[in-house]
Amino acid sequence: MGRPKVHDEALRTKLLDAAAAIVFDHGMDALSLRRLAAAADTSTTAVYSLFGNKAGLVESLYGEATRRFGGRLATVEPSSDPAADMLRLGMAYRDYALHDPHLYSIMFAQRGERSAAKEAGATMATLVDAVRRAQAAGQLVDGPPERIALACWGVAHGLVSLELTGNVPPPLDIAAGYEDALRAVVRGWRT
């Protein structure tokens, strides 16, 4: 099969997915432009054309991971029951991680000097908003909504991370208890 000569959005997406798979399987140090080009059946020229250099590729990789994650969370439309919205966001969190584990793992890969605060804030905004709405509706205790959101996120992230890495001792089953765990956290913040 010949290598594509067009450096378009489809090739960009293919390269980002291939880069995420390399990092997921072998770590960030294993990501090279040559290895990526070979994995995506294209040229290093295409990689340079689309990302500039490895730093640009890595930035784009983190950006794509958080963009897709934020897009998945955005599918949870606010309802008249904000506490239930918090649970639905937790379910969407797990759904994204299980369906796109390579990019999910990128969001939490070591970034060296790079700050993740802006990206983390953007992906947390939907949950913080649900907490604020639940507080305004009298469903949750008063207090910093970011603290409540962090507790919910921590439980979701911890369980999902254990599930993805397979570090769950038998006979424990995260899939069977995930929603119950989320409900328990939200219930703990109820008024």
C-alpha atoms as a PDB file:
ATOM      1  CA  MET A   1       0.000   0.000   0.000  1.00  0.00           C
ATOM      2  CA  GLY A   2       1.395   3.386  -0.974  1.00  0.00           C
ATOM      3  CA  ARG A   3       1.868   6.143   1.525  1.00  0.00           C
ATOM      4  CA  PRO A   4      -0.704   8.944   1.435  1.00  0.00           C
ATOM      5  CA  LYS A   5       0.559  12.158  -0.089  1.00  0.00           C
ATOM      6  CA  VAL A   6      -2.142  14.320   1.465  1.00  0.00           C
ATOM      7  CA  HIS A   7      -1.446  15.591   4.953  1.00  0.00           C
ATOM      8  CA  ASP A   8      -5.056  16.136   5.994  1.00  0.00           C
ATOM      9  CA  GLU A   9      -7.147  15.881   9.165  1.00  0.00           C
ATOM     10  CA  ALA A  10      -7.705  12.152   8.650  1.00  0.00           C
ATOM     11  CA  LEU A  11      -3.952  11.530   8.591  1.00  0.00           C
ATOM     12  CA  ARG A  12      -3.506  13.804  11.607  1.00  0.00           C
ATOM     13  CA  THR A  13      -6.067  11.769  13.554  1.00  0.00           C
ATOM     14  CA  LYS A  14      -4.469   8.498  12.426  1.00  0.00           C
ATOM     15  CA  LEU A  15      -1.060   9.744  13.602  1.00  0.00           C
ATOM     16  CA  LEU A  16      -2.403  10.877  16.971  1.00  0.00           C
ATOM     17  CA  ASP A  17      -4.113   7.528  17.535  1.00  0.00           C
ATOM     18  CA  ALA A  18      -0.935   5.668  16.563  1.00  0.00           C
ATOM     19  CA  ALA A  19       1.174   7.903  18.827  1.00  0.00           C
ATOM     20  CA  ALA A  20      -1.196   7.269  21.730  1.00  0.00           C
ATOM     21  CA  ALA A  21      -0.916   3.508  21.159  1.00  0.00           C
ATOM     22  CA  ILE A  22       2.886   3.680  21.136  1.00  0.00           C
ATOM     23  CA  VAL A  23       2.954   5.664  24.378  1.00  0.00           C
ATOM     24  CA  PHE A  24       0.352   3.386  25.982  1.00  0.00           C
ATOM     25  CA  ASP A  25       2.239   0.220  25.042  1.00  0.00           C
ATOM     26  CA  HIS A  26       5.852   1.373  25.422  1.00  0.00           C
ATOM     27  CA  GLY A  27       5.973   4.714  27.270  1.00  0.00           C
ATOM     28  CA  MET A  28       6.635   8.269  26.150  1.00  0.00           C
ATOM     29  CA  ASP A  29      10.354   7.645  25.632  1.00  0.00           C
ATOM     30  CA  ALA A  30       9.517   5.105  22.905  1.00  0.00           C
ATOM     31  CA  LEU A  31       7.707   7.715  20.806  1.00  0.00           C
ATOM     32  CA  SER A  32       9.839   8.820  17.885  1.00  0.00           C
ATOM     33  CA  LEU A  33       8.733  10.465  14.672  1.00  0.00           C
ATOM     34  CA  ARG A  34      10.259   7.658  12.619  1.00  0.00           C
ATOM     35  CA  ARG A  35       8.524   4.958  14.655  1.00  0.00           C
ATOM     36  CA  LEU A  36       5.242   6.849  14.453  1.00  0.00           C
ATOM     37  CA  ALA A  37       5.500   7.302  10.687  1.00  0.00           C
ATOM     38  CA  ALA A  38       6.119   3.586  10.258  1.00  0.00           C
ATOM     39  CA  ALA A  39       3.185   2.672  12.529  1.00  0.00           C
ATOM     40  CA  ALA A  40       0.843   4.940  10.549  1.00  0.00           C
ATOM     41  CA  ASP A  41       2.252   3.871   7.160  1.00  0.00           C
ATOM     42  CA  THR A  42       3.280   7.380   6.207  1.00  0.00           C
ATOM     43  CA  SER A  43       6.454   9.432   6.005  1.00  0.00           C
ATOM     44  CA  THR A  44       8.268  11.457   8.630  1.00  0.00           C
ATOM     45  CA  THR A  45       7.702  14.394   6.278  1.00  0.00           C
ATOM     46  CA  ALA A  46       3.978  14.031   6.924  1.00  0.00           C
ATOM     47  CA  VAL A  47       4.571  14.042  10.684  1.00  0.00           C
ATOM     48  CA  TYR A  48       6.740  17.157  10.444  1.00  0.00           C
ATOM     49  CA  SER A  49       4.218  18.813   8.136  1.00  0.00           C
ATOM     50  CA  LEU A  50       1.332  18.228  10.549  1.00  0.00           C
ATOM     51  CA  PHE A  51       3.067  18.737  13.918  1.00  0.00           C
ATOM     52  CA  GLY A  52       6.320  20.605  13.284  1.00  0.00           C
ATOM     53  CA  ASN A  53       8.442  18.427  15.537  1.00  0.00           C
ATOM     54  CA  LYS A  54       8.174  15.922  18.371  1.00  0.00           C
ATOM     55  CA  ALA A  55       7.277  18.624  20.889  1.00  0.00           C
ATOM     56  CA  GLY A  56       4.430  19.746  18.634  1.00  0.00           C
ATOM     57  CA  LEU A  57       3.277  16.145  18.287  1.00  0.00           C
ATOM     58  CA  VAL A  58       3.283  15.639  22.058  1.00  0.00           C
ATOM     59  CA  GLU A  59       1.369  18.900  22.614  1.00  0.00           C
ATOM     60  CA  SER A  60      -1.176  17.835  19.997  1.00  0.00           C
ATOM     61  CA  LEU A  61      -1.448  14.411  21.617  1.00  0.00           C
ATOM     62  CA  TYR A  62      -2.317  15.890  25.010  1.00  0.00           C
ATOM     63  CA  GLY A  63      -4.683  18.361  23.365  1.00  0.00           C
ATOM     64  CA  GLU A  64      -6.496  15.628  21.441  1.00  0.00           C
ATOM     65  CA  ALA A  65      -6.832  13.443  24.524  1.00  0.00           C
ATOM     66  CA  THR A  66      -8.408  16.231  26.567  1.00  0.00           C
ATOM     67  CA  ARG A  67     -10.539  17.414  23.618  1.00  0.00           C
ATOM     68  CA  ARG A  68     -12.059  13.970  23.118  1.00  0.00           C
ATOM     69  CA  PHE A  69     -12.513  13.489  26.853  1.00  0.00           C
ATOM     70  CA  GLY A  70     -14.208  16.868  27.209  1.00  0.00           C
ATOM     71  CA  GLY A  71     -16.388  16.038  24.214  1.00  0.00           C
ATOM     72  CA  ARG A  72     -17.514  12.808  25.862  1.00  0.00           C
ATOM     73  CA  LEU A  73     -18.365  14.593  29.102  1.00  0.00           C
ATOM     74  CA  ALA A  74     -20.247  17.258  27.134  1.00  0.00           C
ATOM     75  CA  THR A  75     -22.677  14.596  25.909  1.00  0.00           C
ATOM     76  CA  VAL A  76     -24.095  14.534  29.441  1.00  0.00           C
ATOM     77  CA  GLU A  77     -26.633  17.307  29.179  1.00  0.00           C
ATOM     78  CA  PRO A  78     -27.660  19.113  32.364  1.00  0.00           C
ATOM     79  CA  SER A  79     -31.003  17.952  33.720  1.00  0.00           C
ATOM     80  CA  SER A  80     -33.318  19.061  36.484  1.00  0.00           C
ATOM     81  CA  ASP A  81     -31.481  16.654  38.818  1.00  0.00           C
ATOM     82  CA  PRO A  82     -27.875  17.894  39.081  1.00  0.00           C
ATOM     83  CA  ALA A  83     -26.878  15.178  41.568  1.00  0.00           C
ATOM     84  CA  ALA A  84     -27.928  12.570  39.001  1.00  0.00           C
ATOM     85  CA  ASP A  85     -25.940  14.522  36.408  1.00  0.00           C
ATOM     86  CA  MET A  86     -22.854  14.032  38.580  1.00  0.00           C
ATOM     87  CA  LEU A  87     -23.396  10.256  38.453  1.00  0.00           C
ATOM     88  CA  ARG A  88     -23.922  10.363  34.690  1.00  0.00           C
ATOM     89  CA  LEU A  89     -20.668  12.321  34.309  1.00  0.00           C
ATOM     90  CA  GLY A  90     -18.882   9.620  36.295  1.00  0.00           C
ATOM     91  CA  MET A  91     -20.323   6.975  34.007  1.00  0.00           C
ATOM     92  CA  ALA A  92     -19.233   8.988  30.947  1.00  0.00           C
ATOM     93  CA  TYR A  93     -15.753   9.245  32.481  1.00  0.00           C
ATOM     94  CA  ARG A  94     -15.454   5.467  32.653  1.00  0.00           C
ATOM     95  CA  ASP A  95     -17.019   5.006  29.233  1.00  0.00           C
ATOM     96  CA  TYR A  96     -14.413   7.294  27.638  1.00  0.00           C
ATOM     97  CA  ALA A  97     -11.550   5.547  29.417  1.00  0.00           C
ATOM     98  CA  LEU A  98     -12.694   2.071  28.400  1.00  0.00           C
ATOM     99  CA  HIS A  99     -13.395   3.018  24.787  1.00  0.00           C
ATOM    100  CA  ASP A 100     -10.277   5.149  24.255  1.00  0.00           C
ATOM    101  CA  PRO A 101      -7.727   3.842  26.797  1.00  0.00           C
ATOM    102  CA  HIS A 102      -4.705   4.987  24.794  1.00  0.00           C
ATOM    103  CA  LEU A 103      -5.741   8.637  24.766  1.00  0.00           C
ATOM    104  CA  TYR A 104      -7.165   8.444  28.290  1.00  0.00           C
ATOM    105  CA  SER A 105      -3.761   7.341  29.561  1.00  0.00           C
ATOM    106  CA  ILE A 106      -2.091  10.238  27.728  1.00  0.00           C
ATOM    107  CA  MET A 107      -3.934  12.728  29.914  1.00  0.00           C
ATOM    108  CA  PHE A 108      -2.106  11.340  32.933  1.00  0.00           C
ATOM    109  CA  ALA A 109       1.289  10.611  31.379  1.00  0.00           C
ATOM    110  CA  GLN A 110       4.267  12.487  32.771  1.00  0.00           C
ATOM    111  CA  ARG A 111       4.626  15.806  31.012  1.00  0.00           C
ATOM    112  CA  GLY A 112       7.972  17.023  32.287  1.00  0.00           C
ATOM    113  CA  GLU A 113       8.040  20.813  32.380  1.00  0.00           C
ATOM    114  CA  ARG A 114       4.607  21.129  30.819  1.00  0.00           C
ATOM    115  CA  SER A 115       1.743  22.292  33.045  1.00  0.00           C
ATOM    116  CA  ALA A 116      -1.541  20.417  32.850  1.00  0.00           C
ATOM    117  CA  ALA A 117      -3.536  22.838  35.009  1.00  0.00           C
ATOM    118  CA  LYS A 118      -5.423  24.493  32.143  1.00  0.00           C
ATOM    119  CA  GLU A 119      -6.389  21.186  30.525  1.00  0.00           C
ATOM    120  CA  ALA A 120      -7.395  19.608  33.822  1.00  0.00           C
ATOM    121  CA  GLY A 121      -9.523  22.635  34.647  1.00  0.00           C
ATOM    122  CA  ALA A 122     -11.287  22.441  31.313  1.00  0.00           C
ATOM    123  CA  THR A 123     -12.214  18.785  31.755  1.00  0.00           C
ATOM    124  CA  MET A 124     -13.326  19.362  35.374  1.00  0.00           C
ATOM    125  CA  ALA A 125     -15.518  22.373  34.532  1.00  0.00           C
ATOM    126  CA  THR A 126     -18.526  20.226  33.619  1.00  0.00           C
ATOM    127  CA  LEU A 127     -18.403  18.370  36.930  1.00  0.00           C
ATOM    128  CA  VAL A 128     -17.822  21.545  38.956  1.00  0.00           C
ATOM    129  CA  ASP A 129     -20.833  23.084  37.210  1.00  0.00           C
ATOM    130  CA  ALA A 130     -22.994  20.072  38.142  1.00  0.00           C
ATOM    131  CA  VAL A 131     -21.852  20.381  41.759  1.00  0.00           C
ATOM    132  CA  ARG A 132     -22.722  24.099  41.801  1.00  0.00           C
ATOM    133  CA  ARG A 133     -26.152  23.377  40.361  1.00  0.00           C
ATOM    134  CA  ALA A 134     -26.714  20.609  42.927  1.00  0.00           C
ATOM    135  CA  GLN A 135     -25.725  22.995  45.722  1.00  0.00           C
ATOM    136  CA  ALA A 136     -28.069  25.685  44.372  1.00  0.00           C
ATOM    137  CA  ALA A 137     -30.878  23.092  44.255  1.00  0.00           C
ATOM    138  CA  GLY A 138     -30.221  22.188  47.913  1.00  0.00           C
ATOM    139  CA  GLN A 139     -29.066  18.675  47.036  1.00  0.00           C
ATOM    140  CA  LEU A 140     -25.484  19.023  48.297  1.00  0.00           C
ATOM    141  CA  VAL A 141     -23.828  20.669  51.281  1.00  0.00           C
ATOM    142  CA  ASP A 142     -22.361  24.130  50.961  1.00  0.00           C
ATOM    143  CA  GLY A 143     -18.639  24.413  50.485  1.00  0.00           C
ATOM    144  CA  PRO A 144     -16.147  24.791  47.701  1.00  0.00           C
ATOM    145  CA  PRO A 145     -17.660  22.996  44.692  1.00  0.00           C
ATOM    146  CA  GLU A 146     -14.154  22.205  43.438  1.00  0.00           C
ATOM    147  CA  ARG A 147     -13.500  20.153  46.590  1.00  0.00           C
ATOM    148  CA  ILE A 148     -16.638  18.066  46.047  1.00  0.00           C
ATOM    149  CA  ALA A 149     -15.825  17.655  42.347  1.00  0.00           C
ATOM    150  CA  LEU A 150     -12.291  16.559  43.221  1.00  0.00           C
ATOM    151  CA  ALA A 151     -13.608  13.870  45.577  1.00  0.00           C
ATOM    152  CA  CYS A 152     -15.944  12.549  42.878  1.00  0.00           C
ATOM    153  CA  TRP A 153     -13.223  12.688  40.238  1.00  0.00           C
ATOM    154  CA  GLY A 154     -10.753  10.944  42.550  1.00  0.00           C
ATOM    155  CA  VAL A 155     -13.039   7.973  43.081  1.00  0.00           C
ATOM    156  CA  ALA A 156     -13.849   7.706  39.365  1.00  0.00           C
ATOM    157  CA  HIS A 157     -10.214   8.070  38.335  1.00  0.00           C
ATOM    158  CA  GLY A 158      -8.943   5.628  40.929  1.00  0.00           C
ATOM    159  CA  LEU A 159     -11.398   2.899  40.012  1.00  0.00           C
ATOM    160  CA  VAL A 160     -10.953   3.407  36.272  1.00  0.00           C
ATOM    161  CA  SER A 161      -7.169   3.356  36.621  1.00  0.00           C
ATOM    162  CA  LEU A 162      -7.322   0.095  38.558  1.00  0.00           C
ATOM    163  CA  GLU A 163      -9.629  -1.389  35.951  1.00  0.00           C
ATOM    164  CA  LEU A 164      -7.503  -0.343  32.981  1.00  0.00           C
ATOM    165  CA  THR A 165      -4.270  -1.615  34.489  1.00  0.00           C
ATOM    166  CA  GLY A 166      -5.830  -4.881  35.649  1.00  0.00           C
ATOM    167  CA  ASN A 167      -4.689  -4.239  39.219  1.00  0.00           C
ATOM    168  CA  VAL A 168      -7.902  -5.467  40.805  1.00  0.00           C
ATOM    169  CA  PRO A 169      -7.516  -8.559  42.963  1.00  0.00           C
ATOM    170  CA  PRO A 170     -10.053 -11.324  42.417  1.00  0.00           C
ATOM    171  CA  PRO A 171     -12.944 -11.582  43.120  1.00  0.00           C
ATOM    172  CA  LEU A 172     -13.411  -7.798  43.093  1.00  0.00           C
ATOM    173  CA  ASP A 173     -15.267  -6.464  40.064  1.00  0.00           C
ATOM    174  CA  ILE A 174     -15.062  -2.756  39.311  1.00  0.00           C
ATOM    175  CA  ALA A 175     -17.687  -2.920  36.568  1.00  0.00           C
ATOM    176  CA  ALA A 176     -20.212  -4.337  39.016  1.00  0.00           C
ATOM    177  CA  GLY A 177     -19.502  -1.792  41.756  1.00  0.00           C
ATOM    178  CA  TYR A 178     -18.487   1.362  39.882  1.00  0.00           C
ATOM    179  CA  GLU A 179     -21.866   3.091  39.862  1.00  0.00           C
ATOM    180  CA  ASP A 180     -22.462   2.129  43.503  1.00  0.00           C
ATOM    181  CA  ALA A 181     -19.148   3.734  44.450  1.00  0.00           C
ATOM    182  CA  LEU A 182     -20.095   6.940  42.630  1.00  0.00           C
ATOM    183  CA  ARG A 183     -23.495   6.985  44.333  1.00  0.00           C
ATOM    184  CA  ALA A 184     -21.832   6.574  47.729  1.00  0.00           C
ATOM    185  CA  VAL A 185     -19.556   9.565  47.105  1.00  0.00           C
ATOM    186  CA  VAL A 186     -22.420  11.780  45.981  1.00  0.00           C
ATOM    187  CA  ARG A 187     -24.553  10.578  48.908  1.00  0.00           C
ATOM    188  CA  GLY A 188     -21.728  11.548  51.269  1.00  0.00           C
ATOM    189  CA  TRP A 189     -22.009  15.163  50.086  1.00  0.00           C
ATOM    190  CA  ARG A 190     -25.810  15.319  50.346  1.00  0.00           C
ATOM    191  CA  THR A 191     -27.437  17.843  52.649  1.00  0.00           C
END
